[in-house]
Amino acid sequence: MTVLSTRVLNRTFLHRQLLAERIPRDPATIVERLVAVQGQEPDSPYLGMWARSSGFQPNDLAALLHDRTVVRAALLRGTQHLCTADDYLWLRPTFEDALVRMAGRAGRMTG
């Protein structure tokens, strides 16, 4: 078995996350490829798109959110993420039980 170096693992991760180089990519393709893009803070997805696409324009992502091609919802770890509307249809039911448990825990912590 080949043992991969830390550098090879790092480079592989950067390529998988579309962070190895900024080349022209449209936001819909990026969101679809990554499945979920961090969206907890309002500017996070815009910064994430900029880091991945040399031609990114904020209005391109805003248009996808406006026409609901891309949605923002509580998903992974109960935090806000952007995903395609098609992916949301299978992601939300997949995480539903965990999200309900997290919401219940949060309610007990504040009460």
PDB file of N, CA and C in Angstrom:
ATOM      1  N   MET A   1       0.847  -1.169   0.000  1.00  0.00           N
ATOM      2  CA  MET A   1       0.000   0.000   0.000  1.00  0.00           C
ATOM      3  C   MET A   1       0.897   1.238   0.000  1.00  0.00           C
ATOM      4  N   THR A   2       0.518   2.214  -0.794  1.00  0.00           N
ATOM      5  CA  THR A   2       1.247   3.478  -0.846  1.00  0.00           C
ATOM      6  C   THR A   2       0.805   4.380   0.292  1.00  0.00           C
ATOM      7  N   VAL A   3       1.757   4.920   1.008  1.00  0.00           N
ATOM      8  CA  VAL A   3       1.465   5.883   2.067  1.00  0.00           C
ATOM      9  C   VAL A   3       1.564   7.277   1.459  1.00  0.00           C
ATOM     10  N   LEU A   4       0.489   8.031   1.585  1.00  0.00           N
ATOM     11  CA  LEU A   4       0.462   9.371   1.029  1.00  0.00           C
ATOM     12  C   LEU A   4       1.071  10.368   2.000  1.00  0.00           C
ATOM     13  N   SER A   5       1.822  11.291   1.453  1.00  0.00           N
ATOM     14  CA  SER A   5       2.436  12.323   2.296  1.00  0.00           C
ATOM     15  C   SER A   5       1.379  13.346   2.716  1.00  0.00           C
ATOM     16  N   THR A   6       1.699  14.095   3.736  1.00  0.00           N
ATOM     17  CA  THR A   6       0.815  15.165   4.189  1.00  0.00           C
ATOM     18  C   THR A   6       0.551  16.154   3.060  1.00  0.00           C
ATOM     19  N   ARG A   7       1.577  16.471   2.283  1.00  0.00           N
ATOM     20  CA  ARG A   7       1.410  17.405   1.164  1.00  0.00           C
ATOM     21  C   ARG A   7       0.446  16.863   0.120  1.00  0.00           C
ATOM     22  N   VAL A   8       0.568  15.588  -0.227  1.00  0.00           N
ATOM     23  CA  VAL A   8      -0.342  14.988  -1.211  1.00  0.00           C
ATOM     24  C   VAL A   8      -1.769  15.000  -0.674  1.00  0.00           C
ATOM     25  N   LEU A   9      -1.950  14.664   0.580  1.00  0.00           N
ATOM     26  CA  LEU A   9      -3.289  14.709   1.174  1.00  0.00           C
ATOM     27  C   LEU A   9      -3.850  16.124   1.164  1.00  0.00           C
ATOM     28  N   ASN A  10      -3.005  17.097   1.499  1.00  0.00           N
ATOM     29  CA  ASN A  10      -3.422  18.502   1.498  1.00  0.00           C
ATOM     30  C   ASN A  10      -3.837  18.943   0.103  1.00  0.00           C
ATOM     31  N   ARG A  11      -3.022  18.653  -0.884  1.00  0.00           N
ATOM     32  CA  ARG A  11      -3.329  19.041  -2.266  1.00  0.00           C
ATOM     33  C   ARG A  11      -4.615  18.375  -2.749  1.00  0.00           C
ATOM     34  N   THR A  12      -4.792  17.112  -2.397  1.00  0.00           N
ATOM     35  CA  THR A  12      -5.998  16.383  -2.791  1.00  0.00           C
ATOM     36  C   THR A  12      -7.234  17.040  -2.192  1.00  0.00           C
ATOM     37  N   PHE A  13      -7.147  17.397  -0.912  1.00  0.00           N
ATOM     38  CA  PHE A  13      -8.255  18.078  -0.248  1.00  0.00           C
ATOM     39  C   PHE A  13      -8.558  19.413  -0.929  1.00  0.00           C
ATOM     40  N   LEU A  14      -7.529  20.190  -1.215  1.00  0.00           N
ATOM     41  CA  LEU A  14      -7.741  21.488  -1.872  1.00  0.00           C
ATOM     42  C   LEU A  14      -8.386  21.321  -3.243  1.00  0.00           C
ATOM     43  N   HIS A  15      -7.962  20.320  -3.996  1.00  0.00           N
ATOM     44  CA  HIS A  15      -8.582  20.074  -5.311  1.00  0.00           C
ATOM     45  C   HIS A  15     -10.044  19.668  -5.147  1.00  0.00           C
ATOM     46  N   ARG A  16     -10.315  18.772  -4.210  1.00  0.00           N
ATOM     47  CA  ARG A  16     -11.687  18.310  -3.985  1.00  0.00           C
ATOM     48  C   ARG A  16     -12.597  19.465  -3.577  1.00  0.00           C
ATOM     49  N   GLN A  17     -12.079  20.382  -2.800  1.00  0.00           N
ATOM     50  CA  GLN A  17     -12.862  21.522  -2.336  1.00  0.00           C
ATOM     51  C   GLN A  17     -12.832  22.698  -3.323  1.00  0.00           C
ATOM     52  N   LEU A  18     -12.217  22.497  -4.493  1.00  0.00           N
ATOM     53  CA  LEU A  18     -12.103  23.518  -5.547  1.00  0.00           C
ATOM     54  C   LEU A  18     -11.324  24.738  -5.067  1.00  0.00           C
ATOM     55  N   LEU A  19     -10.360  24.506  -4.178  1.00  0.00           N
ATOM     56  CA  LEU A  19      -9.579  25.608  -3.617  1.00  0.00           C
ATOM     57  C   LEU A  19      -8.130  25.630  -4.096  1.00  0.00           C
ATOM     58  N   ALA A  20      -7.752  24.705  -4.965  1.00  0.00           N
ATOM     59  CA  ALA A  20      -6.359  24.642  -5.414  1.00  0.00           C
ATOM     60  C   ALA A  20      -6.020  25.784  -6.356  1.00  0.00           C
ATOM     61  N   GLU A  21      -7.022  26.255  -7.085  1.00  0.00           N
ATOM     62  CA  GLU A  21      -6.795  27.378  -7.999  1.00  0.00           C
ATOM     63  C   GLU A  21      -8.124  28.071  -8.271  1.00  0.00           C
ATOM     64  N   ARG A  22      -8.035  29.360  -8.478  1.00  0.00           N
ATOM     65  CA  ARG A  22      -9.233  30.133  -8.835  1.00  0.00           C
ATOM     66  C   ARG A  22      -9.333  30.155 -10.344  1.00  0.00           C
ATOM     67  N   ILE A  23     -10.322  29.458 -10.873  1.00  0.00           N
ATOM     68  CA  ILE A  23     -10.589  29.470 -12.306  1.00  0.00           C
ATOM     69  C   ILE A  23     -12.062  29.821 -12.485  1.00  0.00           C
ATOM     70  N   PRO A  24     -12.457  30.249 -13.681  1.00  0.00           N
ATOM     71  CA  PRO A  24     -13.870  30.600 -13.874  1.00  0.00           C
ATOM     72  C   PRO A  24     -14.783  29.388 -13.641  1.00  0.00           C
ATOM     73  N   ARG A  25     -15.671  29.516 -12.683  1.00  0.00           N
ATOM     74  CA  ARG A  25     -16.677  28.495 -12.386  1.00  0.00           C
ATOM     75  C   ARG A  25     -17.950  29.228 -11.993  1.00  0.00           C
ATOM     76  N   ASP A  26     -19.083  28.703 -12.398  1.00  0.00           N
ATOM     77  CA  ASP A  26     -20.320  29.361 -11.980  1.00  0.00           C
ATOM     78  C   ASP A  26     -20.729  28.832 -10.608  1.00  0.00           C
ATOM     79  N   PRO A  27     -21.386  29.675  -9.809  1.00  0.00           N
ATOM     80  CA  PRO A  27     -21.739  29.290  -8.443  1.00  0.00           C
ATOM     81  C   PRO A  27     -22.595  28.027  -8.352  1.00  0.00           C
ATOM     82  N   ALA A  28     -23.492  27.809  -9.297  1.00  0.00           N
ATOM     83  CA  ALA A  28     -24.339  26.608  -9.246  1.00  0.00           C
ATOM     84  C   ALA A  28     -23.488  25.342  -9.337  1.00  0.00           C
ATOM     85  N   THR A  29     -22.486  25.368 -10.192  1.00  0.00           N
ATOM     86  CA  THR A  29     -21.590  24.221 -10.339  1.00  0.00           C
ATOM     87  C   THR A  29     -20.790  23.988  -9.059  1.00  0.00           C
ATOM     88  N   ILE A  30     -20.341  25.063  -8.437  1.00  0.00           N
ATOM     89  CA  ILE A  30     -19.576  24.946  -7.198  1.00  0.00           C
ATOM     90  C   ILE A  30     -20.443  24.342  -6.103  1.00  0.00           C
ATOM     91  N   VAL A  31     -21.631  24.870  -5.906  1.00  0.00           N
ATOM     92  CA  VAL A  31     -22.524  24.367  -4.858  1.00  0.00           C
ATOM     93  C   VAL A  31     -22.867  22.903  -5.121  1.00  0.00           C
ATOM     94  N   GLU A  32     -23.143  22.568  -6.359  1.00  0.00           N
ATOM     95  CA  GLU A  32     -23.481  21.187  -6.695  1.00  0.00           C
ATOM     96  C   GLU A  32     -22.299  20.256  -6.414  1.00  0.00           C
ATOM     97  N   ARG A  33     -21.117  20.656  -6.790  1.00  0.00           N
ATOM     98  CA  ARG A  33     -19.915  19.832  -6.585  1.00  0.00           C
ATOM     99  C   ARG A  33     -19.627  19.627  -5.095  1.00  0.00           C
ATOM    100  N   LEU A  34     -19.785  20.670  -4.291  1.00  0.00           N
ATOM    101  CA  LEU A  34     -19.467  20.587  -2.874  1.00  0.00           C
ATOM    102  C   LEU A  34     -20.604  20.016  -2.027  1.00  0.00           C
ATOM    103  N   VAL A  35     -21.788  19.943  -2.567  1.00  0.00           N
ATOM    104  CA  VAL A  35     -23.021  19.478  -1.931  1.00  0.00           C
ATOM    105  C   VAL A  35     -23.549  20.493  -0.926  1.00  0.00           C
ATOM    106  N   ALA A  36     -22.700  21.012  -0.062  1.00  0.00           N
ATOM    107  CA  ALA A  36     -23.134  22.017   0.904  1.00  0.00           C
ATOM    108  C   ALA A  36     -22.001  23.022   1.116  1.00  0.00           C
ATOM    109  N   VAL A  37     -22.355  24.295   1.069  1.00  0.00           N
ATOM    110  CA  VAL A  37     -21.390  25.384   1.253  1.00  0.00           C
ATOM    111  C   VAL A  37     -21.774  26.137   2.525  1.00  0.00           C
ATOM    112  N   GLN A  38     -20.802  26.373   3.393  1.00  0.00           N
ATOM    113  CA  GLN A  38     -21.045  27.061   4.657  1.00  0.00           C
ATOM    114  C   GLN A  38     -21.769  28.385   4.403  1.00  0.00           C
ATOM    115  N   GLY A  39     -22.847  28.587   5.123  1.00  0.00           N
ATOM    116  CA  GLY A  39     -23.631  29.806   4.953  1.00  0.00           C
ATOM    117  C   GLY A  39     -24.121  30.375   6.265  1.00  0.00           C
ATOM    118  N   GLN A  40     -23.432  30.048   7.362  1.00  0.00           N
ATOM    119  CA  GLN A  40     -23.866  30.513   8.680  1.00  0.00           C
ATOM    120  C   GLN A  40     -23.869  32.040   8.771  1.00  0.00           C
ATOM    121  N   GLU A  41     -22.810  32.647   8.301  1.00  0.00           N
ATOM    122  CA  GLU A  41     -22.734  34.102   8.255  1.00  0.00           C
ATOM    123  C   GLU A  41     -23.162  34.565   6.858  1.00  0.00           C
ATOM    124  N   PRO A  42     -23.828  35.709   6.741  1.00  0.00           N
ATOM    125  CA  PRO A  42     -24.335  36.145   5.435  1.00  0.00           C
ATOM    126  C   PRO A  42     -23.275  36.245   4.345  1.00  0.00           C
ATOM    127  N   ASP A  43     -22.046  36.640   4.693  1.00  0.00           N
ATOM    128  CA  ASP A  43     -21.035  36.803   3.652  1.00  0.00           C
ATOM    129  C   ASP A  43     -20.238  35.528   3.371  1.00  0.00           C
ATOM    130  N   SER A  44     -20.378  34.493   4.210  1.00  0.00           N
ATOM    131  CA  SER A  44     -19.589  33.264   4.048  1.00  0.00           C
ATOM    132  C   SER A  44     -19.704  32.624   2.668  1.00  0.00           C
ATOM    133  N   PRO A  45     -20.912  32.416   2.143  1.00  0.00           N
ATOM    134  CA  PRO A  45     -20.972  31.767   0.834  1.00  0.00           C
ATOM    135  C   PRO A  45     -20.379  32.633  -0.281  1.00  0.00           C
ATOM    136  N   TYR A  46     -20.487  33.927  -0.138  1.00  0.00           N
ATOM    137  CA  TYR A  46     -19.922  34.820  -1.160  1.00  0.00           C
ATOM    138  C   TYR A  46     -18.397  34.765  -1.129  1.00  0.00           C
ATOM    139  N   LEU A  47     -17.826  34.739   0.070  1.00  0.00           N
ATOM    140  CA  LEU A  47     -16.374  34.608   0.188  1.00  0.00           C
ATOM    141  C   LEU A  47     -15.916  33.244  -0.323  1.00  0.00           C
ATOM    142  N   GLY A  48     -16.685  32.211  -0.006  1.00  0.00           N
ATOM    143  CA  GLY A  48     -16.364  30.870  -0.487  1.00  0.00           C
ATOM    144  C   GLY A  48     -16.395  30.774  -2.003  1.00  0.00           C
ATOM    145  N   MET A  49     -17.372  31.423  -2.615  1.00  0.00           N
ATOM    146  CA  MET A  49     -17.447  31.423  -4.087  1.00  0.00           C
ATOM    147  C   MET A  49     -16.268  32.194  -4.681  1.00  0.00           C
ATOM    148  N   TRP A  50     -15.955  33.340  -4.086  1.00  0.00           N
ATOM    149  CA  TRP A  50     -14.840  34.147  -4.585  1.00  0.00           C
ATOM    150  C   TRP A  50     -13.535  33.349  -4.517  1.00  0.00           C
ATOM    151  N   ALA A  51     -13.336  32.592  -3.436  1.00  0.00           N
ATOM    152  CA  ALA A  51     -12.107  31.813  -3.264  1.00  0.00           C
ATOM    153  C   ALA A  51     -11.980  30.708  -4.303  1.00  0.00           C
ATOM    154  N   ARG A  52     -13.099  30.304  -4.894  1.00  0.00           N
ATOM    155  CA  ARG A  52     -13.098  29.177  -5.819  1.00  0.00           C
ATOM    156  C   ARG A  52     -13.231  29.577  -7.280  1.00  0.00           C
ATOM    157  N   SER A  53     -13.668  30.791  -7.549  1.00  0.00           N
ATOM    158  CA  SER A  53     -13.942  31.189  -8.929  1.00  0.00           C
ATOM    159  C   SER A  53     -13.344  32.551  -9.249  1.00  0.00           C
ATOM    160  N   SER A  54     -12.496  32.582 -10.273  1.00  0.00           N
ATOM    161  CA  SER A  54     -11.873  33.856 -10.654  1.00  0.00           C
ATOM    162  C   SER A  54     -12.870  34.827 -11.274  1.00  0.00           C
ATOM    163  N   GLY A  55     -13.981  34.325 -11.756  1.00  0.00           N
ATOM    164  CA  GLY A  55     -14.964  35.206 -12.384  1.00  0.00           C
ATOM    165  C   GLY A  55     -16.193  35.455 -11.541  1.00  0.00           C
ATOM    166  N   PHE A  56     -16.128  35.140 -10.261  1.00  0.00           N
ATOM    167  CA  PHE A  56     -17.321  35.243  -9.421  1.00  0.00           C
ATOM    168  C   PHE A  56     -17.820  36.672  -9.284  1.00  0.00           C
ATOM    169  N   GLN A  57     -19.130  36.805  -9.456  1.00  0.00           N
ATOM    170  CA  GLN A  57     -19.833  38.063  -9.211  1.00  0.00           C
ATOM    171  C   GLN A  57     -20.930  37.782  -8.182  1.00  0.00           C
ATOM    172  N   PRO A  58     -20.982  38.556  -7.111  1.00  0.00           N
ATOM    173  CA  PRO A  58     -21.965  38.297  -6.054  1.00  0.00           C
ATOM    174  C   PRO A  58     -23.407  38.172  -6.556  1.00  0.00           C
ATOM    175  N   ASN A  59     -23.770  38.950  -7.554  1.00  0.00           N
ATOM    176  CA  ASN A  59     -25.141  38.875  -8.062  1.00  0.00           C
ATOM    177  C   ASN A  59     -25.462  37.528  -8.688  1.00  0.00           C
ATOM    178  N   ASP A  60     -24.442  36.797  -9.144  1.00  0.00           N
ATOM    179  CA  ASP A  60     -24.682  35.464  -9.712  1.00  0.00           C
ATOM    180  C   ASP A  60     -25.220  34.517  -8.643  1.00  0.00           C
ATOM    181  N   LEU A  61     -24.631  34.549  -7.449  1.00  0.00           N
ATOM    182  CA  LEU A  61     -25.117  33.702  -6.360  1.00  0.00           C
ATOM    183  C   LEU A  61     -26.460  34.222  -5.843  1.00  0.00           C
ATOM    184  N   ALA A  62     -26.600  35.523  -5.731  1.00  0.00           N
ATOM    185  CA  ALA A  62     -27.865  36.100  -5.269  1.00  0.00           C
ATOM    186  C   ALA A  62     -29.020  35.683  -6.182  1.00  0.00           C
ATOM    187  N   ALA A  63     -28.781  35.654  -7.485  1.00  0.00           N
ATOM    188  CA  ALA A  63     -29.822  35.253  -8.438  1.00  0.00           C
ATOM    189  C   ALA A  63     -30.221  33.790  -8.224  1.00  0.00           C
ATOM    190  N   LEU A  64     -29.256  32.932  -7.938  1.00  0.00           N
ATOM    191  CA  LEU A  64     -29.561  31.517  -7.697  1.00  0.00           C
ATOM    192  C   LEU A  64     -30.385  31.343  -6.424  1.00  0.00           C
ATOM    193  N   LEU A  65     -30.095  32.138  -5.415  1.00  0.00           N
ATOM    194  CA  LEU A  65     -30.882  32.099  -4.189  1.00  0.00           C
ATOM    195  C   LEU A  65     -32.284  32.659  -4.431  1.00  0.00           C
ATOM    196  N   HIS A  66     -32.355  33.728  -5.194  1.00  0.00           N
ATOM    197  CA  HIS A  66     -33.646  34.365  -5.478  1.00  0.00           C
ATOM    198  C   HIS A  66     -34.577  33.431  -6.254  1.00  0.00           C
ATOM    199  N   ASP A  67     -34.026  32.728  -7.257  1.00  0.00           N
ATOM    200  CA  ASP A  67     -34.897  31.840  -8.050  1.00  0.00           C
ATOM    201  C   ASP A  67     -34.996  30.429  -7.463  1.00  0.00           C
ATOM    202  N   ARG A  68     -34.382  30.231  -6.304  1.00  0.00           N
ATOM    203  CA  ARG A  68     -34.442  28.982  -5.534  1.00  0.00           C
ATOM    204  C   ARG A  68     -33.771  27.795  -6.216  1.00  0.00           C
ATOM    205  N   THR A  69     -32.820  28.085  -7.095  1.00  0.00           N
ATOM    206  CA  THR A  69     -31.973  27.020  -7.625  1.00  0.00           C
ATOM    207  C   THR A  69     -31.065  26.528  -6.501  1.00  0.00           C
ATOM    208  N   VAL A  70     -30.656  27.466  -5.648  1.00  0.00           N
ATOM    209  CA  VAL A  70     -29.849  27.198  -4.467  1.00  0.00           C
ATOM    210  C   VAL A  70     -30.643  27.672  -3.260  1.00  0.00           C
ATOM    211  N   VAL A  71     -30.623  26.874  -2.187  1.00  0.00           N
ATOM    212  CA  VAL A  71     -31.360  27.232  -0.976  1.00  0.00           C
ATOM    213  C   VAL A  71     -30.401  27.300   0.211  1.00  0.00           C
ATOM    214  N   ARG A  72     -30.777  28.075   1.214  1.00  0.00           N
ATOM    215  CA  ARG A  72     -30.014  28.191   2.460  1.00  0.00           C
ATOM    216  C   ARG A  72     -30.877  27.603   3.561  1.00  0.00           C
ATOM    217  N   ALA A  73     -30.312  26.624   4.281  1.00  0.00           N
ATOM    218  CA  ALA A  73     -31.095  25.946   5.312  1.00  0.00           C
ATOM    219  C   ALA A  73     -30.175  25.332   6.354  1.00  0.00           C
ATOM    220  N   ALA A  74     -30.762  24.990   7.506  1.00  0.00           N
ATOM    221  CA  ALA A  74     -30.017  24.269   8.539  1.00  0.00           C
ATOM    222  C   ALA A  74     -29.799  22.845   8.047  1.00  0.00           C
ATOM    223  N   LEU A  75     -28.533  22.451   7.969  1.00  0.00           N
ATOM    224  CA  LEU A  75     -28.220  21.100   7.487  1.00  0.00           C
ATOM    225  C   LEU A  75     -27.159  20.451   8.371  1.00  0.00           C
ATOM    226  N   LEU A  76     -25.931  20.512   7.941  1.00  0.00           N
ATOM    227  CA  LEU A  76     -24.835  19.840   8.631  1.00  0.00           C
ATOM    228  C   LEU A  76     -24.589  20.481   9.989  1.00  0.00           C
ATOM    229  N   ARG A  77     -24.548  19.660  11.023  1.00  0.00           N
ATOM    230  CA  ARG A  77     -24.301  20.132  12.382  1.00  0.00           C
ATOM    231  C   ARG A  77     -25.333  21.182  12.820  1.00  0.00           C
ATOM    232  N   GLY A  78     -26.444  21.264  12.135  1.00  0.00           N
ATOM    233  CA  GLY A  78     -27.479  22.219  12.488  1.00  0.00           C
ATOM    234  C   GLY A  78     -27.166  23.647  12.103  1.00  0.00           C
ATOM    235  N   THR A  79     -26.111  23.856  11.325  1.00  0.00           N
ATOM    236  CA  THR A  79     -25.759  25.215  10.906  1.00  0.00           C
ATOM    237  C   THR A  79     -26.256  25.472   9.488  1.00  0.00           C
ATOM    238  N   GLN A  80     -26.293  26.727   9.134  1.00  0.00           N
ATOM    239  CA  GLN A  80     -26.789  27.144   7.829  1.00  0.00           C
ATOM    240  C   GLN A  80     -25.782  26.798   6.722  1.00  0.00           C
ATOM    241  N   HIS A  81     -26.290  26.171   5.686  1.00  0.00           N
ATOM    242  CA  HIS A  81     -25.489  25.838   4.518  1.00  0.00           C
ATOM    243  C   HIS A  81     -26.314  26.138   3.271  1.00  0.00           C
ATOM    244  N   LEU A  82     -25.604  26.350   2.164  1.00  0.00           N
ATOM    245  CA  LEU A  82     -26.251  26.471   0.865  1.00  0.00           C
ATOM    246  C   LEU A  82     -26.103  25.139   0.150  1.00  0.00           C
ATOM    247  N   CYS A  83     -27.167  24.726  -0.511  1.00  0.00           N
ATOM    248  CA  CYS A  83     -27.118  23.533  -1.354  1.00  0.00           C
ATOM    249  C   CYS A  83     -28.094  23.744  -2.507  1.00  0.00           C
ATOM    250  N   THR A  84     -27.995  22.900  -3.511  1.00  0.00           N
ATOM    251  CA  THR A  84     -28.954  23.013  -4.605  1.00  0.00           C
ATOM    252  C   THR A  84     -30.321  22.579  -4.091  1.00  0.00           C
ATOM    253  N   ALA A  85     -31.356  23.081  -4.715  1.00  0.00           N
ATOM    254  CA  ALA A  85     -32.705  22.694  -4.313  1.00  0.00           C
ATOM    255  C   ALA A  85     -32.895  21.193  -4.483  1.00  0.00           C
ATOM    256  N   ASP A  86     -32.333  20.616  -5.544  1.00  0.00           N
ATOM    257  CA  ASP A  86     -32.433  19.170  -5.753  1.00  0.00           C
ATOM    258  C   ASP A  86     -31.756  18.391  -4.633  1.00  0.00           C
ATOM    259  N   ASP A  87     -30.572  18.837  -4.193  1.00  0.00           N
ATOM    260  CA  ASP A  87     -29.881  18.152  -3.099  1.00  0.00           C
ATOM    261  C   ASP A  87     -30.627  18.323  -1.778  1.00  0.00           C
ATOM    262  N   TYR A  88     -31.251  19.463  -1.585  1.00  0.00           N
ATOM    263  CA  TYR A  88     -31.996  19.702  -0.348  1.00  0.00           C
ATOM    264  C   TYR A  88     -33.095  18.656  -0.161  1.00  0.00           C
ATOM    265  N   LEU A  89     -33.697  18.221  -1.261  1.00  0.00           N
ATOM    266  CA  LEU A  89     -34.792  17.249  -1.180  1.00  0.00           C
ATOM    267  C   LEU A  89     -34.356  15.924  -0.560  1.00  0.00           C
ATOM    268  N   TRP A  90     -33.103  15.545  -0.696  1.00  0.00           N
ATOM    269  CA  TRP A  90     -32.631  14.326  -0.034  1.00  0.00           C
ATOM    270  C   TRP A  90     -31.808  14.620   1.223  1.00  0.00           C
ATOM    271  N   LEU A  91     -31.140  15.794   1.267  1.00  0.00           N
ATOM    272  CA  LEU A  91     -30.327  16.118   2.436  1.00  0.00           C
ATOM    273  C   LEU A  91     -31.176  16.353   3.684  1.00  0.00           C
ATOM    274  N   ARG A  92     -32.226  17.136   3.568  1.00  0.00           N
ATOM    275  CA  ARG A  92     -33.028  17.481   4.739  1.00  0.00           C
ATOM    276  C   ARG A  92     -33.610  16.248   5.420  1.00  0.00           C
ATOM    277  N   PRO A  93     -34.255  15.337   4.688  1.00  0.00           N
ATOM    278  CA  PRO A  93     -34.748  14.134   5.363  1.00  0.00           C
ATOM    279  C   PRO A  93     -33.620  13.295   5.980  1.00  0.00           C
ATOM    280  N   THR A  94     -32.456  13.309   5.350  1.00  0.00           N
ATOM    281  CA  THR A  94     -31.319  12.555   5.876  1.00  0.00           C
ATOM    282  C   THR A  94     -30.893  13.081   7.237  1.00  0.00           C
ATOM    283  N   PHE A  95     -30.908  14.391   7.423  1.00  0.00           N
ATOM    284  CA  PHE A  95     -30.461  15.011   8.669  1.00  0.00           C
ATOM    285  C   PHE A  95     -31.592  15.334   9.636  1.00  0.00           C
ATOM    286  N   GLU A  96     -32.822  15.084   9.254  1.00  0.00           N
ATOM    287  CA  GLU A  96     -33.979  15.521  10.044  1.00  0.00           C
ATOM    288  C   GLU A  96     -33.919  15.068  11.503  1.00  0.00           C
ATOM    289  N   ASP A  97     -33.690  13.783  11.755  1.00  0.00           N
ATOM    290  CA  ASP A  97     -33.682  13.294  13.139  1.00  0.00           C
ATOM    291  C   ASP A  97     -32.600  13.994  13.969  1.00  0.00           C
ATOM    292  N   ALA A  98     -31.413  14.134  13.407  1.00  0.00           N
ATOM    293  CA  ALA A  98     -30.325  14.801  14.136  1.00  0.00           C
ATOM    294  C   ALA A  98     -30.660  16.260  14.396  1.00  0.00           C
ATOM    295  N   LEU A  99     -31.265  16.929  13.428  1.00  0.00           N
ATOM    296  CA  LEU A  99     -31.618  18.334  13.604  1.00  0.00           C
ATOM    297  C   LEU A  99     -32.676  18.514  14.694  1.00  0.00           C
ATOM    298  N   VAL A 100     -33.639  17.614  14.739  1.00  0.00           N
ATOM    299  CA  VAL A 100     -34.681  17.674  15.778  1.00  0.00           C
ATOM    300  C   VAL A 100     -34.045  17.454  17.149  1.00  0.00           C
ATOM    301  N   ARG A 101     -33.126  16.478  17.246  1.00  0.00           N
ATOM    302  CA  ARG A 101     -32.450  16.240  18.534  1.00  0.00           C
ATOM    303  C   ARG A 101     -31.634  17.467  18.949  1.00  0.00           C
ATOM    304  N   MET A 102     -30.923  18.075  18.008  1.00  0.00           N
ATOM    305  CA  MET A 102     -30.123  19.265  18.332  1.00  0.00           C
ATOM    306  C   MET A 102     -31.017  20.411  18.782  1.00  0.00           C
ATOM    307  N   ALA A 103     -32.144  20.586  18.122  1.00  0.00           N
ATOM    308  CA  ALA A 103     -33.064  21.667  18.481  1.00  0.00           C
ATOM    309  C   ALA A 103     -33.609  21.435  19.892  1.00  0.00           C
ATOM    310  N   GLY A 104     -33.918  20.210  20.242  1.00  0.00           N
ATOM    311  CA  GLY A 104     -34.404  19.894  21.571  1.00  0.00           C
ATOM    312  C   GLY A 104     -33.350  20.161  22.632  1.00  0.00           C
ATOM    313  N   ARG A 105     -32.114  19.797  22.326  1.00  0.00           N
ATOM    314  CA  ARG A 105     -31.012  20.039  23.262  1.00  0.00           C
ATOM    315  C   ARG A 105     -30.805  21.519  23.474  1.00  0.00           C
ATOM    316  N   ALA A 106     -30.886  22.289  22.401  1.00  0.00           N
ATOM    317  CA  ALA A 106     -30.704  23.740  22.515  1.00  0.00           C
ATOM    318  C   ALA A 106     -31.806  24.347  23.367  1.00  0.00           C
ATOM    319  N   GLY A 107     -33.027  23.850  23.225  1.00  0.00           N
ATOM    320  CA  GLY A 107     -34.133  24.367  24.008  1.00  0.00           C
ATOM    321  C   GLY A 107     -33.966  24.088  25.493  1.00  0.00           C
ATOM    322  N   ARG A 108     -33.427  22.906  25.826  1.00  0.00           N
ATOM    323  CA  ARG A 108     -33.199  22.564  27.235  1.00  0.00           C
ATOM    324  C   ARG A 108     -32.068  23.393  27.826  1.00  0.00           C
ATOM    325  N   MET A 109     -31.109  23.778  26.999  1.00  0.00           N
ATOM    326  CA  MET A 109     -29.972  24.539  27.497  1.00  0.00           C
ATOM    327  C   MET A 109     -30.378  25.971  27.849  1.00  0.00           C
ATOM    328  N   THR A 110     -31.359  26.516  27.152  1.00  0.00           N
ATOM    329  CA  THR A 110     -31.750  27.896  27.393  1.00  0.00           C
ATOM    330  C   THR A 110     -32.848  28.012  28.430  1.00  0.00           C
ATOM    331  N   GLY A 111     -33.498  26.908  28.766  1.00  0.00           N
ATOM    332  CA  GLY A 111     -34.658  26.967  29.648  1.00  0.00           C
ATOM    333  C   GLY A 111     -34.379  26.779  31.078  1.00  0.00           C
TER     334      GLY A 111
END
